Amino acid sequence: MDAIVTAGGIPQPGDPLYEFSNGSSKALIDVAGKPMVQWVLDALSNSKKVDNVIVIGASPKSGLTCSKPVHYISNQGRMLANIVAGVNKSIELNKKSEYVLIVSSDIPALKADMVDWLVETAQQTKDDLYYGVCPREVMEARYPDSKRTYTKLKDMELCGADISVIHVSMATTHLDLWEQLIGTRKSPLKQAAAVGWDILFKLAIRQIGLQELVEKASARIGIKGRAIIWSQAEPCMDVDKPHQLEIMREDLARQKKKAAAAEKRLQNKAVKKK
């Protein structure tokens, strides 16, 4: 399966991350010694389920690396246009392409095994959209100071993941609605209003559960959707605010230090055996 990485957003004055971007793409903000998007590319590099990587909004001159074949596409100006361009590139690379991964550049804690799990889970059924959600207790157990925004349902509180699987047909149908949903992706109530006021009302009074929400929204849009409930917080821990950036910097710096120490121990053992 091909992976489309959205990396074109440039923080503007007034954006919480503007001071960290130096006028460049948010994806290139440094996180523990690497551009934020490089951590995502590392996860895709090590994934057993990813064939090609299509990066939207970065250029070959950005210094990014990936062990998988990488194809760069310029920023198309809007999120939906970027996704459509990525899907079209995937189809160009493989006429039989059916599904693609949509991966945000701002989830640097993503790991290869998480990518593989999502692909394997999605391949169990034939739906149009696989959208990940993370229960509040999972997020707060892993990142207690993340201060995420949660949607309160009848059966759980959750936040959305920033890695999804879609059927390629999604890039050619319901484009007006997708534009509206993507534009309000940080506001669950506005998204609910876009697919129906009855859904918004039930959501507002917490009288709708996750499965009913998926079924009603899918029927209203005219697709087959499936919610993927993550037991890991990393795919849902995006970096939108300075405190979240600091959390990721500290967390990934610790991981790098731990990995370096483990590598040193292995080298010492190898020397002793000689």
Protein backbone atom coordinates (compact mmCIF):
# COMPACT_ATOMS: atom_id res chain seq x y z
CA MET A 1 0.00 0.00 0.00
CA ASP A 2 1.28 3.50 -0.84
CA ALA A 3 1.52 6.17 1.84
CA ILE A 4 0.66 9.82 1.19
CA VAL A 5 2.37 12.16 3.65
CA THR A 6 0.84 15.64 3.94
CA ALA A 7 3.68 18.02 4.71
CA GLY A 8 2.74 21.31 3.07
CA GLY A 9 1.37 23.44 5.90
CA ILE A 10 3.34 26.61 6.69
CA PRO A 11 2.48 28.27 10.03
CA GLN A 12 1.42 31.89 9.60
CA PRO A 13 1.67 34.78 12.11
CA GLY A 14 -0.74 34.01 14.91
CA ASP A 15 -0.34 30.25 14.53
CA PRO A 16 0.85 28.65 17.81
CA LEU A 17 3.85 27.09 16.06
CA TYR A 18 4.83 30.13 13.96
CA GLU A 19 7.83 31.02 16.14
CA PHE A 20 9.25 27.49 15.76
CA SER A 21 8.96 27.21 11.98
CA ASN A 22 11.14 30.14 10.86
CA GLY A 23 8.83 30.69 7.91
CA SER A 24 9.23 27.12 6.69
CA SER A 25 6.92 24.13 6.66
CA LYS A 26 5.59 22.85 9.96
CA ALA A 27 6.82 19.43 8.86
CA LEU A 28 10.43 20.64 9.04
CA ILE A 29 10.30 21.88 12.65
CA ASP A 30 13.08 20.20 14.61
CA VAL A 31 12.06 17.42 16.98
CA ALA A 32 14.92 15.80 18.89
CA GLY A 33 17.46 16.44 16.15
CA LYS A 34 15.31 15.60 13.13
CA PRO A 35 12.66 17.39 11.09
CA MET A 36 9.27 16.36 12.44
CA VAL A 37 8.29 14.63 9.19
CA GLN A 38 11.54 12.61 9.18
CA TRP A 39 10.28 10.62 12.17
CA VAL A 40 7.18 9.76 10.15
CA LEU A 41 9.30 8.79 7.13
CA ASP A 42 11.43 6.56 9.38
CA ALA A 43 8.30 4.71 10.49
CA LEU A 44 7.17 4.27 6.88
CA SER A 45 10.69 3.16 5.89
CA ASN A 46 10.56 0.33 8.41
CA SER A 47 7.00 -0.69 7.63
CA LYS A 48 6.50 -4.04 5.93
CA LYS A 49 3.24 -2.88 4.39
CA VAL A 50 4.30 0.32 2.64
CA ASP A 51 5.37 0.24 -1.02
CA ASN A 52 5.83 3.85 -2.14
CA VAL A 53 5.87 7.09 -0.16
CA ILE A 54 4.35 10.21 -1.72
CA VAL A 55 5.30 13.41 0.09
CA ILE A 56 3.07 16.42 -0.53
CA GLY A 57 4.50 19.87 0.12
CA ALA A 58 8.19 19.07 0.54
CA SER A 59 10.88 18.94 -2.13
CA PRO A 60 13.78 16.59 -2.92
CA LYS A 61 16.07 19.41 -1.71
CA SER A 62 14.65 19.25 1.82
CA GLY A 63 17.22 16.65 2.88
CA LEU A 64 14.61 14.09 3.93
CA THR A 65 15.42 10.39 3.64
CA CYS A 66 13.35 7.23 3.24
CA SER A 67 14.31 3.68 2.33
CA LYS A 68 11.15 3.28 0.25
CA PRO A 69 10.77 4.87 -3.20
CA VAL A 70 9.84 8.52 -2.56
CA HIS A 71 7.89 10.80 -4.87
CA TYR A 72 7.56 14.52 -4.14
CA ILE A 73 4.58 16.63 -5.15
CA SER A 74 4.34 20.38 -4.61
CA ASN A 75 1.77 21.81 -2.24
CA GLN A 76 -1.56 22.13 -4.05
CA GLY A 77 -2.79 24.87 -1.72
CA ARG A 78 -5.57 22.96 0.07
CA MET A 79 -5.61 19.78 2.09
CA LEU A 80 -8.17 18.07 -0.14
CA ALA A 81 -6.29 19.01 -3.31
CA ASN A 82 -3.12 17.60 -1.77
CA ILE A 83 -4.81 14.28 -0.99
CA VAL A 84 -6.33 14.07 -4.49
CA ALA A 85 -2.91 14.74 -6.04
CA GLY A 86 -1.37 12.03 -3.86
CA VAL A 87 -4.05 9.49 -4.79
CA ASN A 88 -3.61 10.27 -8.47
CA LYS A 89 0.14 9.72 -8.13
CA SER A 90 -0.45 6.36 -6.42
CA ILE A 91 -2.71 5.28 -9.28
CA GLU A 92 -0.09 6.46 -11.78
CA LEU A 93 2.51 4.29 -10.03
CA ASN A 94 0.18 1.29 -9.85
CA LYS A 95 -2.98 1.13 -11.93
CA LYS A 96 -4.32 -1.56 -9.58
CA SER A 97 -3.97 0.64 -6.50
CA GLU A 98 -7.14 0.37 -4.39
CA TYR A 99 -6.25 1.81 -1.00
CA VAL A 100 -3.77 4.37 0.27
CA LEU A 101 -2.54 5.53 3.65
CA ILE A 102 -3.03 9.21 4.47
CA VAL A 103 -0.41 10.21 7.02
CA SER A 104 0.05 13.61 8.62
CA SER A 105 3.61 14.88 9.00
CA ASP A 106 2.97 16.00 12.59
CA ILE A 107 2.79 12.62 14.38
CA PRO A 108 6.51 12.04 14.99
CA ALA A 109 5.95 9.29 17.57
CA LEU A 110 4.50 6.98 14.90
CA LYS A 111 6.24 3.58 14.62
CA ALA A 112 6.43 1.02 11.82
CA ASP A 113 4.53 -1.66 13.74
CA MET A 114 1.64 0.78 14.19
CA VAL A 115 1.52 1.42 10.45
CA ASP A 116 1.53 -2.32 9.76
CA TRP A 117 -1.22 -2.96 12.30
CA LEU A 118 -3.46 -0.35 10.69
CA VAL A 119 -2.96 -1.76 7.19
CA GLU A 120 -3.55 -5.33 8.36
CA THR A 121 -6.68 -4.28 10.25
CA ALA A 122 -8.07 -2.37 7.28
CA GLN A 123 -7.44 -5.29 4.94
CA GLN A 124 -9.86 -7.44 6.95
CA THR A 125 -12.85 -5.65 5.36
CA LYS A 126 -13.74 -3.76 2.19
CA ASP A 127 -14.77 -0.31 3.38
CA ASP A 128 -14.18 3.11 1.84
CA LEU A 129 -12.73 4.93 4.83
CA TYR A 130 -10.89 3.68 7.91
CA TYR A 131 -10.66 6.48 10.44
CA GLY A 132 -8.73 5.99 13.65
CA VAL A 133 -9.82 7.17 17.06
CA CYS A 134 -8.09 7.07 20.44
CA PRO A 135 -10.00 6.75 23.72
CA ARG A 136 -9.23 9.51 26.20
CA GLU A 137 -7.85 7.09 28.77
CA VAL A 138 -5.33 5.72 26.25
CA MET A 139 -4.11 9.19 25.30
CA GLU A 140 -3.86 10.46 28.85
CA ALA A 141 -2.09 7.33 30.09
CA ARG A 142 0.65 7.85 27.48
CA TYR A 143 0.67 11.65 27.28
CA PRO A 144 -1.00 12.97 30.46
CA ASP A 145 -0.14 16.61 29.66
CA SER A 146 -1.16 16.57 26.00
CA LYS A 147 -4.35 18.61 26.60
CA ARG A 148 -6.08 17.18 23.58
CA THR A 149 -9.62 18.10 22.53
CA TYR A 150 -12.00 15.17 22.97
CA THR A 151 -15.33 14.33 21.41
CA LYS A 152 -17.74 13.13 24.09
CA LEU A 153 -19.91 10.25 22.93
CA LYS A 154 -22.44 8.15 24.79
CA ASP A 155 -19.97 5.31 25.26
CA MET A 156 -16.56 7.03 25.27
CA GLU A 157 -14.53 10.19 24.93
CA LEU A 158 -12.11 10.15 22.02
CA CYS A 159 -9.79 12.10 19.78
CA GLY A 160 -8.92 11.42 16.17
CA ALA A 161 -5.85 9.77 14.68
CA ASP A 162 -3.74 11.46 12.03
CA ILE A 163 -3.20 8.35 9.94
CA SER A 164 -6.06 6.83 7.96
CA VAL A 165 -6.72 4.41 5.11
CA ILE A 166 -8.99 5.39 2.23
CA HIS A 167 -10.18 3.77 -0.98
CA VAL A 168 -8.85 5.65 -4.00
CA SER A 169 -12.42 6.35 -5.14
CA MET A 170 -12.72 8.73 -2.19
CA ALA A 171 -10.60 11.21 -4.15
CA THR A 172 -13.24 11.52 -6.86
CA THR A 173 -16.56 11.52 -5.00
CA HIS A 174 -18.26 13.85 -2.48
CA LEU A 175 -15.45 16.41 -2.88
CA ASP A 176 -17.52 19.38 -1.65
CA LEU A 177 -18.41 17.57 1.55
CA TRP A 178 -14.84 16.36 2.07
CA GLU A 179 -13.62 19.94 1.69
CA GLN A 180 -16.01 21.00 4.43
CA LEU A 181 -15.14 18.10 6.73
CA ILE A 182 -11.39 18.61 6.31
CA GLY A 183 -11.77 22.32 6.93
CA THR A 184 -13.50 21.63 10.24
CA ARG A 185 -11.37 18.63 11.28
CA LYS A 186 -10.38 20.33 14.54
CA SER A 187 -14.03 20.86 15.51
CA PRO A 188 -16.08 17.64 15.95
CA LEU A 189 -19.29 19.65 16.43
CA LYS A 190 -18.85 21.50 13.12
CA GLN A 191 -18.10 18.19 11.39
CA ALA A 192 -21.25 16.67 12.84
CA ALA A 193 -23.28 19.64 11.59
CA ALA A 194 -21.88 19.07 8.10
CA VAL A 195 -23.35 15.57 7.94
CA GLY A 196 -26.65 16.32 9.67
CA TRP A 197 -28.22 18.38 12.45
CA ASP A 198 -29.77 15.27 13.98
CA ILE A 199 -26.28 13.85 14.44
CA LEU A 200 -25.09 17.17 15.87
CA PHE A 201 -27.96 17.21 18.36
CA LYS A 202 -27.31 13.65 19.54
CA LEU A 203 -23.62 14.41 19.81
CA ALA A 204 -24.27 17.57 21.81
CA ILE A 205 -26.39 15.73 24.39
CA ARG A 206 -24.13 12.65 24.38
CA GLN A 207 -26.87 10.34 23.12
CA ILE A 208 -24.91 8.74 20.30
CA GLY A 209 -22.29 6.02 20.54
CA LEU A 210 -19.30 5.49 18.28
CA GLN A 211 -20.84 2.74 16.14
CA GLU A 212 -24.11 4.62 15.63
CA LEU A 213 -22.16 7.77 14.77
CA VAL A 214 -20.14 5.88 12.14
CA GLU A 215 -23.25 4.25 10.66
CA LYS A 216 -25.27 7.47 10.47
CA ALA A 217 -22.42 9.58 9.12
CA SER A 218 -21.52 6.93 6.53
CA ALA A 219 -25.13 6.64 5.35
CA ARG A 220 -25.49 10.42 5.11
CA ILE A 221 -22.28 10.79 3.08
CA GLY A 222 -22.90 7.67 1.01
CA ILE A 223 -19.82 5.65 1.90
CA LYS A 224 -18.85 2.61 3.94
CA GLY A 225 -16.87 3.87 6.89
CA ARG A 226 -15.19 2.00 9.72
CA ALA A 227 -13.81 3.35 12.99
CA ILE A 228 -10.44 1.95 14.05
CA ILE A 229 -9.99 2.16 17.81
CA TRP A 230 -6.33 2.55 18.69
CA SER A 231 -4.87 1.02 21.82
CA GLN A 232 -1.77 3.18 21.29
CA ALA A 233 -1.74 6.96 21.55
CA GLU A 234 1.19 7.75 19.25
CA PRO A 235 -0.76 7.82 15.93
CA CYS A 236 -3.19 10.28 17.52
CA MET A 237 -0.63 12.55 19.19
CA ASP A 238 -0.27 15.33 16.65
CA VAL A 239 1.74 18.46 17.28
CA ASP A 240 -0.44 21.57 17.03
CA LYS A 241 0.72 23.65 19.99
CA PRO A 242 4.05 24.54 21.66
CA HIS A 243 3.46 22.36 24.72
CA GLN A 244 2.76 19.36 22.47
CA LEU A 245 5.96 20.09 20.55
CA GLU A 246 7.92 20.10 23.81
CA ILE A 247 6.30 16.82 24.88
CA MET A 248 7.41 15.21 21.62
CA ARG A 249 10.90 16.68 21.79
CA GLU A 250 11.45 15.34 25.29
CA ASP A 251 9.83 11.97 24.64
CA LEU A 252 11.72 11.25 21.42
CA ALA A 253 15.00 12.51 22.86
CA ARG A 254 14.59 9.94 25.65
CA GLN A 255 13.87 7.25 23.08
CA LYS A 256 17.00 8.18 21.11
CA LYS A 257 19.12 8.10 24.25
CA LYS A 258 17.70 4.72 25.26
CA ALA A 259 18.29 3.28 21.77
CA ALA A 260 21.87 4.58 21.73
CA ALA A 261 22.56 3.00 25.12
CA ALA A 262 21.16 -0.33 23.95
CA GLU A 263 23.30 -0.18 20.80
CA LYS A 264 26.39 0.54 22.89
CA ARG A 265 25.69 -2.46 25.13
CA LEU A 266 25.41 -4.70 22.06
CA GLN A 267 28.70 -3.38 20.72
CA ASN A 268 30.41 -4.01 24.06
CA LYS A 269 29.10 -7.58 24.12
CA ALA A 270 30.41 -8.14 20.60
CA VAL A 271 33.85 -6.86 21.61
CA LYS A 272 33.97 -9.13 24.65
CA LYS A 273 33.11 -12.20 22.55
CA LYS A 274 36.11 -11.50 20.33
